[in-house]
Amino acid sequence: MSTALLPPTPDASTAGPATPERVLLLADQAASIADRKLSAIHKVALQTRILALNATITAAKAGDAGRSFAAVANEVKALAVEVARISEEMERELQTAFGELRAVGERMAAEVRGVRLVDLALNAIEIIDRNLYERTCDVRWWATDSAVVQAALHPDPAILAHASQRLGIILGAYTVYLDIWICDTQGRVLTHGRPARYPKVAGHSVAGEKWFREALASTSGDHFSVSDINRCDPLANAAVATYAASIRENGDTNGRTLGVIGIHFDWTPQSDAVVRGVRLTADEKTRTRALLLDAQGRVLAASDGQGVLSEVIHLEAGNRTSGCTTDARGRLIAFHRTPGYETYRGLGWHGALIQTP
């Protein structure tokens, strides 16, 4: 009966993936083995020198009869001295070599971690971009809804009540929104989808808001406006991303502007899900901060919940789209600027991860 040749079972010292961390582990193991072996050689050389010294003393006591024995003892002593010298040189050279190997392994590990963290930063900003792209589609579509158009054209109580009911139905299906507002051309909120929850909205003026002004000035119903994340007082001071589009006569793309529709994306739970869902190992989660930053470095979302809308982090990205740097505290800071998605160009935001060693 023939027996198939099987590959040897991997030894514990060689098994495992070829990662920079494993290079560091093997370098440390090799350095430890070398230290133990060199220590043993030092002990043997010392013991040999002691034996040679004792032999020399014994030979001297023997007089002429011990001369030949003394010569051998001297040779043994010289050999022990040479072994000690060689082992000391080997120790210095190995320390240098292992130190360089560890430095190379550390650089490799940092580079590999950096590339991975940049990829995770890109993934985070892409997820939020795709989410926000859908918001740009929603606002342009709902601006053409007949109930919305009629409310802007004829803001009678019955028509406004019907529009509010219609917006409430939309909000029931699209749970990522806090509210939807229909505004006249002067910036006054005519009606909205959740009057019971947010009683301060009706009649509120948004004339000074960036999203309103840009939507009102748009030249086509295909256009939309957006503002960075801010807290909205009429919506119980919740953090929102607001998207807006012009409401046009008959819902036509080039119709006369009747008002503006603003949709308020419920930012906190959606962004928290993104930054807390970054695929880190259990160990990495304890020492890594996942972030979404606006174009000025303001923290829009943080996996640890700290500094949101108040802390500013300077990435020193320059003109780079992405990168990984090490700060004065030895932390890796990886980032990737928004690439946008479809027709949504993004707002210059970054996904970023800060990881302690």
Protein backbone atom coordinates (compact mmCIF):
# COMPACT_ATOMS: atom_id res chain seq x y z
CA MET A 1 0.00 0.00 0.00
CA SER A 2 1.44 3.37 -1.02
CA THR A 3 1.53 6.29 1.36
CA ALA A 4 1.11 9.87 0.06
CA LEU A 5 3.79 12.33 1.08
CA LEU A 6 2.35 15.02 3.29
CA PRO A 7 3.89 18.44 3.87
CA PRO A 8 5.51 18.86 7.26
CA THR A 9 3.32 20.20 10.04
CA PRO A 10 4.20 23.89 10.49
CA ASP A 11 6.10 24.67 13.66
CA ALA A 12 4.60 27.23 16.02
CA SER A 13 7.51 29.55 15.30
CA THR A 14 6.86 29.61 11.55
CA ALA A 15 3.08 29.20 11.33
CA GLY A 16 0.86 32.21 10.82
CA PRO A 17 0.18 34.89 8.23
CA ALA A 18 3.09 36.86 6.82
CA THR A 19 2.17 40.24 8.32
CA PRO A 20 4.40 43.09 9.52
CA GLU A 21 3.28 42.32 13.06
CA ARG A 22 4.49 38.74 12.62
CA VAL A 23 7.84 40.05 11.33
CA LEU A 24 8.14 42.05 14.55
CA LEU A 25 7.19 39.01 16.63
CA LEU A 26 9.76 36.80 14.90
CA ALA A 27 12.42 39.48 15.20
CA ASP A 28 11.80 39.69 18.94
CA GLN A 29 11.82 35.89 19.24
CA ALA A 30 15.12 35.65 17.31
CA ALA A 31 16.67 38.40 19.47
CA SER A 32 15.58 36.58 22.61
CA ILE A 33 17.06 33.29 21.39
CA ALA A 34 20.32 35.01 20.46
CA ASP A 35 20.51 36.64 23.91
CA ARG A 36 20.07 33.27 25.63
CA LYS A 37 22.66 31.50 23.47
CA LEU A 38 25.21 34.29 23.81
CA SER A 39 24.71 34.31 27.58
CA ALA A 40 25.43 30.57 27.60
CA ILE A 41 28.59 31.11 25.52
CA HIS A 42 29.78 33.81 27.94
CA LYS A 43 29.29 31.41 30.85
CA VAL A 44 31.20 28.62 29.09
CA ALA A 45 34.07 30.98 28.20
CA LEU A 46 34.24 32.21 31.82
CA GLN A 47 34.24 28.68 33.19
CA THR A 48 36.96 27.69 30.72
CA ARG A 49 39.15 30.62 31.80
CA ILE A 50 38.69 29.63 35.47
CA LEU A 51 39.65 26.02 34.66
CA ALA A 52 42.71 27.22 32.71
CA LEU A 53 43.74 29.42 35.66
CA ASN A 54 43.38 26.50 38.08
CA ALA A 55 45.39 24.28 35.72
CA THR A 56 48.15 26.90 35.52
CA ILE A 57 48.36 27.08 39.32
CA THR A 58 48.47 23.28 39.58
CA ALA A 59 51.17 23.07 36.89
CA ALA A 60 53.29 25.66 38.73
CA LYS A 61 53.07 23.63 41.92
CA ALA A 62 54.24 20.54 39.99
CA GLY A 63 57.47 22.27 38.95
CA ASP A 64 59.31 20.84 35.95
CA ALA A 65 56.83 17.98 35.69
CA GLY A 66 54.02 20.44 35.11
CA ARG A 67 55.57 22.58 32.36
CA SER A 68 53.88 20.77 29.49
CA PHE A 69 50.58 20.89 31.32
CA ALA A 70 51.04 24.62 31.87
CA ALA A 71 51.52 25.15 28.14
CA VAL A 72 48.22 23.40 27.45
CA ALA A 73 46.52 25.45 30.15
CA ASN A 74 47.77 28.67 28.59
CA GLU A 75 46.41 27.61 25.20
CA VAL A 76 43.04 26.83 26.73
CA LYS A 77 43.05 30.23 28.46
CA ALA A 78 43.85 32.00 25.16
CA LEU A 79 41.09 30.07 23.44
CA ALA A 80 38.59 31.09 26.13
CA VAL A 81 39.61 34.74 25.75
CA GLU A 82 39.13 34.52 21.96
CA VAL A 83 35.71 32.88 22.34
CA ALA A 84 34.67 35.69 24.72
CA ARG A 85 35.88 38.33 22.26
CA ILE A 86 34.01 36.75 19.34
CA SER A 87 30.80 36.37 21.37
CA GLU A 88 30.97 40.04 22.45
CA GLU A 89 31.39 41.14 18.82
CA MET A 90 28.53 38.88 17.79
CA GLU A 91 26.32 40.35 20.51
CA ARG A 92 26.97 43.93 19.33
CA GLU A 93 26.41 43.05 15.68
CA LEU A 94 23.23 41.09 16.39
CA GLN A 95 21.84 43.90 18.55
CA THR A 96 22.37 46.31 15.66
CA ALA A 97 20.88 43.91 13.12
CA PHE A 98 17.85 43.07 15.22
CA GLY A 99 17.32 46.75 16.02
CA GLU A 100 17.29 47.60 12.31
CA LEU A 101 14.99 44.66 11.58
CA ARG A 102 12.54 45.80 14.23
CA ALA A 103 12.62 49.37 12.87
CA VAL A 104 11.86 48.05 9.37
CA GLY A 105 9.05 45.88 10.76
CA GLU A 106 7.58 48.84 12.62
CA ARG A 107 7.65 50.97 9.45
CA MET A 108 6.01 48.16 7.48
CA ALA A 109 3.35 47.70 10.14
CA ALA A 110 2.65 51.44 10.22
CA GLU A 111 2.40 51.58 6.42
CA VAL A 112 0.05 48.60 6.26
CA ARG A 113 -2.11 50.01 9.06
CA GLY A 114 -2.08 53.39 7.38
CA VAL A 115 -3.29 52.02 4.05
CA ARG A 116 -6.04 50.06 5.79
CA LEU A 117 -7.16 53.05 7.85
CA VAL A 118 -7.28 55.27 4.74
CA ASP A 119 -9.48 52.66 3.05
CA LEU A 120 -11.78 52.63 6.07
CA ALA A 121 -11.93 56.44 6.05
CA LEU A 122 -12.88 56.36 2.36
CA ASN A 123 -15.54 53.75 3.02
CA ALA A 124 -17.08 55.88 5.79
CA ILE A 125 -17.27 59.04 3.69
CA GLU A 126 -18.60 57.09 0.70
CA ILE A 127 -21.41 55.59 2.77
CA ILE A 128 -22.53 59.00 4.00
CA ASP A 129 -22.18 60.50 0.50
CA ARG A 130 -24.39 57.82 -1.02
CA ASN A 131 -26.91 58.42 1.72
CA LEU A 132 -26.90 62.17 1.13
CA TYR A 133 -27.11 61.72 -2.65
CA GLU A 134 -30.50 60.11 -2.07
CA ARG A 135 -31.53 63.22 -0.15
CA THR A 136 -30.80 65.37 -3.20
CA CYS A 137 -33.06 63.12 -5.25
CA ASP A 138 -35.83 63.23 -2.63
CA VAL A 139 -35.98 67.01 -2.37
CA ARG A 140 -36.12 67.56 -6.12
CA TRP A 141 -38.82 64.92 -6.50
CA TRP A 142 -41.01 66.18 -3.65
CA ALA A 143 -40.76 69.75 -4.95
CA THR A 144 -42.93 68.59 -7.87
CA ASP A 145 -45.59 66.93 -5.68
CA SER A 146 -48.98 68.48 -6.50
CA ALA A 147 -49.84 69.08 -2.84
CA VAL A 148 -46.54 70.92 -2.34
CA VAL A 149 -46.99 73.01 -5.49
CA GLN A 150 -50.57 73.93 -4.58
CA ALA A 151 -49.57 74.93 -1.05
CA ALA A 152 -46.96 77.34 -2.40
CA LEU A 153 -49.32 78.67 -5.08
CA HIS A 154 -52.49 79.00 -2.96
CA PRO A 155 -51.58 79.04 0.77
CA ASP A 156 -55.19 78.71 1.94
CA PRO A 157 -55.75 76.92 5.30
CA ALA A 158 -57.43 73.89 3.71
CA ILE A 159 -54.72 73.50 1.06
CA LEU A 160 -51.96 73.94 3.65
CA ALA A 161 -53.62 71.35 5.90
CA HIS A 162 -53.77 68.88 3.01
CA ALA A 163 -50.11 69.53 2.19
CA SER A 164 -49.16 69.01 5.85
CA GLN A 165 -51.02 65.69 5.86
CA ARG A 166 -49.26 64.69 2.65
CA LEU A 167 -45.84 65.57 4.14
CA GLY A 168 -46.71 63.57 7.26
CA ILE A 169 -47.32 60.49 5.11
CA ILE A 170 -43.95 60.97 3.42
CA LEU A 171 -42.22 61.33 6.79
CA GLY A 172 -43.86 58.14 8.00
CA ALA A 173 -42.22 56.26 5.14
CA TYR A 174 -38.90 58.10 5.14
CA THR A 175 -37.81 57.76 8.75
CA VAL A 176 -34.42 59.43 8.14
CA TYR A 177 -36.10 62.86 8.14
CA LEU A 178 -37.16 64.99 11.07
CA ASP A 179 -39.42 67.32 9.09
CA ILE A 180 -40.22 68.79 5.67
CA TRP A 181 -40.98 72.48 5.28
CA ILE A 182 -42.81 74.38 2.55
CA CYS A 183 -41.67 78.02 2.45
CA ASP A 184 -42.92 81.00 0.49
CA THR A 185 -40.60 83.23 -1.49
CA GLN A 186 -40.10 85.49 1.53
CA GLY A 187 -38.74 82.63 3.60
CA ARG A 188 -41.78 82.08 5.84
CA VAL A 189 -42.64 78.44 6.61
CA LEU A 190 -46.19 77.97 5.30
CA THR A 191 -46.68 74.41 6.53
CA HIS A 192 -44.72 71.30 7.47
CA GLY A 193 -45.11 67.60 8.12
CA ARG A 194 -45.00 67.37 11.91
CA PRO A 195 -46.92 70.26 13.50
CA ALA A 196 -47.72 68.28 16.66
CA ARG A 197 -44.09 67.40 17.34
CA TYR A 198 -42.59 70.74 16.29
CA PRO A 199 -45.08 73.54 17.03
CA LYS A 200 -42.46 76.29 16.64
CA VAL A 201 -41.98 75.66 12.89
CA ALA A 202 -45.10 77.19 11.32
CA GLY A 203 -44.49 80.86 10.55
CA HIS A 204 -40.77 80.53 11.28
CA SER A 205 -38.55 82.61 8.97
CA VAL A 206 -35.70 80.95 7.08
CA ALA A 207 -34.96 83.99 4.93
CA GLY A 208 -31.40 84.18 6.24
CA GLU A 209 -30.61 80.49 5.79
CA LYS A 210 -28.07 79.53 3.12
CA TRP A 211 -30.11 76.58 1.88
CA PHE A 212 -33.19 78.77 1.38
CA ARG A 213 -31.39 81.60 -0.41
CA GLU A 214 -29.56 79.27 -2.80
CA ALA A 215 -32.67 77.25 -3.61
CA LEU A 216 -34.69 80.40 -4.23
CA ALA A 217 -31.98 81.74 -6.57
CA SER A 218 -31.65 78.49 -8.52
CA THR A 219 -32.43 78.65 -12.24
CA SER A 220 -33.94 75.19 -12.59
CA GLY A 221 -35.98 72.67 -10.69
CA ASP A 222 -33.16 70.21 -11.36
CA HIS A 223 -30.93 72.11 -8.96
CA PHE A 224 -30.73 71.70 -5.20
CA SER A 225 -28.98 73.44 -2.33
CA VAL A 226 -27.48 72.07 0.85
CA SER A 227 -25.97 73.43 4.04
CA ASP A 228 -23.40 71.93 6.37
CA ILE A 229 -24.62 70.25 9.55
CA ASN A 230 -26.15 72.69 12.02
CA ARG A 231 -28.53 72.59 14.95
CA CYS A 232 -32.07 73.72 14.21
CA ASP A 233 -33.89 75.47 17.03
CA PRO A 234 -37.47 74.87 15.77
CA LEU A 235 -36.65 71.15 15.53
CA ALA A 236 -35.77 70.88 19.24
CA ASN A 237 -32.19 71.95 18.48
CA ALA A 238 -31.50 68.71 16.64
CA ALA A 239 -28.49 68.43 14.32
CA VAL A 240 -29.73 68.37 10.74
CA ALA A 241 -28.49 68.28 7.18
CA THR A 242 -30.90 70.44 5.21
CA TYR A 243 -31.48 70.02 1.49
CA ALA A 244 -33.69 72.34 -0.48
CA ALA A 245 -35.09 72.88 -3.97
CA SER A 246 -37.30 75.46 -5.60
CA ILE A 247 -41.03 74.80 -5.90
CA ARG A 248 -42.12 75.72 -9.42
CA GLU A 249 -45.45 76.36 -11.08
CA ASN A 250 -47.11 73.15 -12.32
CA GLY A 251 -44.08 71.25 -11.04
CA ASP A 252 -42.27 72.12 -14.29
CA THR A 253 -38.48 72.22 -14.19
CA ASN A 254 -38.46 75.72 -15.70
CA GLY A 255 -41.73 76.98 -14.23
CA ARG A 256 -42.13 80.15 -12.22
CA THR A 257 -40.63 79.92 -8.72
CA LEU A 258 -43.38 79.71 -6.10
CA GLY A 259 -41.35 78.91 -3.01
CA VAL A 260 -38.83 76.51 -1.54
CA ILE A 261 -39.10 73.06 0.00
CA GLY A 262 -36.58 72.17 2.71
CA ILE A 263 -36.05 68.63 4.00
CA HIS A 264 -34.25 68.10 7.30
CA PHE A 265 -32.19 64.92 7.47
CA ASP A 266 -31.93 63.47 10.98
CA TRP A 267 -28.15 63.66 11.14
CA THR A 268 -27.15 62.21 14.51
CA PRO A 269 -28.49 58.63 14.35
CA GLN A 270 -27.55 58.21 10.69
CA SER A 271 -24.00 59.53 11.03
CA ASP A 272 -23.46 57.65 14.32
CA ALA A 273 -24.34 54.42 12.55
CA VAL A 274 -21.65 55.17 9.95
CA VAL A 275 -18.76 56.05 12.28
CA ARG A 276 -19.59 53.33 14.81
CA GLY A 277 -19.96 50.78 12.03
CA VAL A 278 -16.39 51.20 10.74
CA ARG A 279 -14.95 47.69 10.54
CA LEU A 280 -12.32 47.70 13.24
CA THR A 281 -11.13 44.80 15.35
CA ALA A 282 -12.18 44.64 18.99
CA ASP A 283 -8.72 45.88 20.03
CA GLU A 284 -8.75 48.70 17.47
CA LYS A 285 -12.16 49.94 18.63
CA THR A 286 -10.70 50.74 22.07
CA ARG A 287 -7.95 52.96 20.63
CA THR A 288 -9.39 54.29 17.38
CA ARG A 289 -11.60 57.30 16.82
CA ALA A 290 -13.66 57.30 13.61
CA LEU A 291 -14.77 60.74 12.42
CA LEU A 292 -16.62 62.67 9.78
CA LEU A 293 -15.24 66.19 9.33
CA ASP A 294 -16.49 69.15 7.33
CA ALA A 295 -14.26 71.17 4.99
CA GLN A 296 -12.95 73.24 7.91
CA GLY A 297 -12.17 70.17 10.03
CA ARG A 298 -15.18 70.58 12.32
CA VAL A 299 -16.24 67.25 13.81
CA LEU A 300 -19.61 66.28 12.34
CA ALA A 301 -19.71 62.79 13.83
CA ALA A 302 -17.42 60.82 16.14
CA SER A 303 -17.45 57.17 17.16
CA ASP A 304 -16.77 58.21 20.77
CA GLY A 305 -19.50 60.87 20.66
CA GLN A 306 -17.06 63.61 21.70
CA GLY A 307 -16.62 67.08 20.18
CA VAL A 308 -19.51 66.85 17.72
CA LEU A 309 -20.13 70.26 16.07
CA SER A 310 -17.62 71.92 18.41
CA GLU A 311 -14.17 70.34 18.02
CA VAL A 312 -11.96 71.20 15.03
CA ILE A 313 -9.26 68.81 13.80
CA HIS A 314 -6.62 70.04 11.40
CA LEU A 315 -5.66 67.19 9.09
CA GLU A 316 -2.89 69.09 7.30
CA ALA A 317 -4.05 67.39 4.12
CA GLY A 318 -2.91 70.19 1.81
CA ASN A 319 -3.90 69.29 -1.74
CA ARG A 320 -3.94 65.58 -1.02
CA THR A 321 -7.16 63.65 -1.45
CA SER A 322 -6.06 61.07 1.10
CA GLY A 323 -3.14 60.21 3.32
CA CYS A 324 -1.87 58.97 6.66
CA THR A 325 0.38 60.87 9.04
CA THR A 326 1.78 60.38 12.53
CA ASP A 327 1.31 63.18 15.05
CA ALA A 328 3.58 64.22 17.92
CA ARG A 329 1.86 61.70 20.20
CA GLY A 330 2.64 58.82 17.85
CA ARG A 331 -0.99 58.44 16.70
CA LEU A 332 -1.79 57.46 13.13
CA ILE A 333 -4.17 59.93 11.47
CA ALA A 334 -5.70 58.58 8.26
CA PHE A 335 -8.11 60.57 6.09
CA HIS A 336 -9.89 60.60 2.75
CA ARG A 337 -11.75 63.50 1.18
CA THR A 338 -15.22 62.93 -0.22
CA PRO A 339 -15.18 61.72 -3.84
CA GLY A 340 -18.87 62.60 -4.18
CA TYR A 341 -21.46 60.24 -5.60
CA GLU A 342 -23.34 60.48 -8.88
CA THR A 343 -24.54 64.10 -9.20
CA TYR A 344 -23.76 64.86 -5.56
CA ARG A 345 -20.33 66.50 -5.51
CA GLY A 346 -20.01 66.55 -1.74
CA LEU A 347 -19.07 69.46 0.48
CA GLY A 348 -15.35 68.85 0.89
CA TRP A 349 -15.92 66.60 3.88
CA HIS A 350 -13.44 63.97 5.08
CA GLY A 351 -13.67 60.59 6.63
CA ALA A 352 -10.88 60.26 9.21
CA LEU A 353 -9.54 57.78 11.73
CA ILE A 354 -7.19 58.56 14.62
CA GLN A 355 -5.51 55.49 16.09
CA THR A 356 -3.19 55.35 19.09
CA PRO A 357 -0.21 52.95 18.88
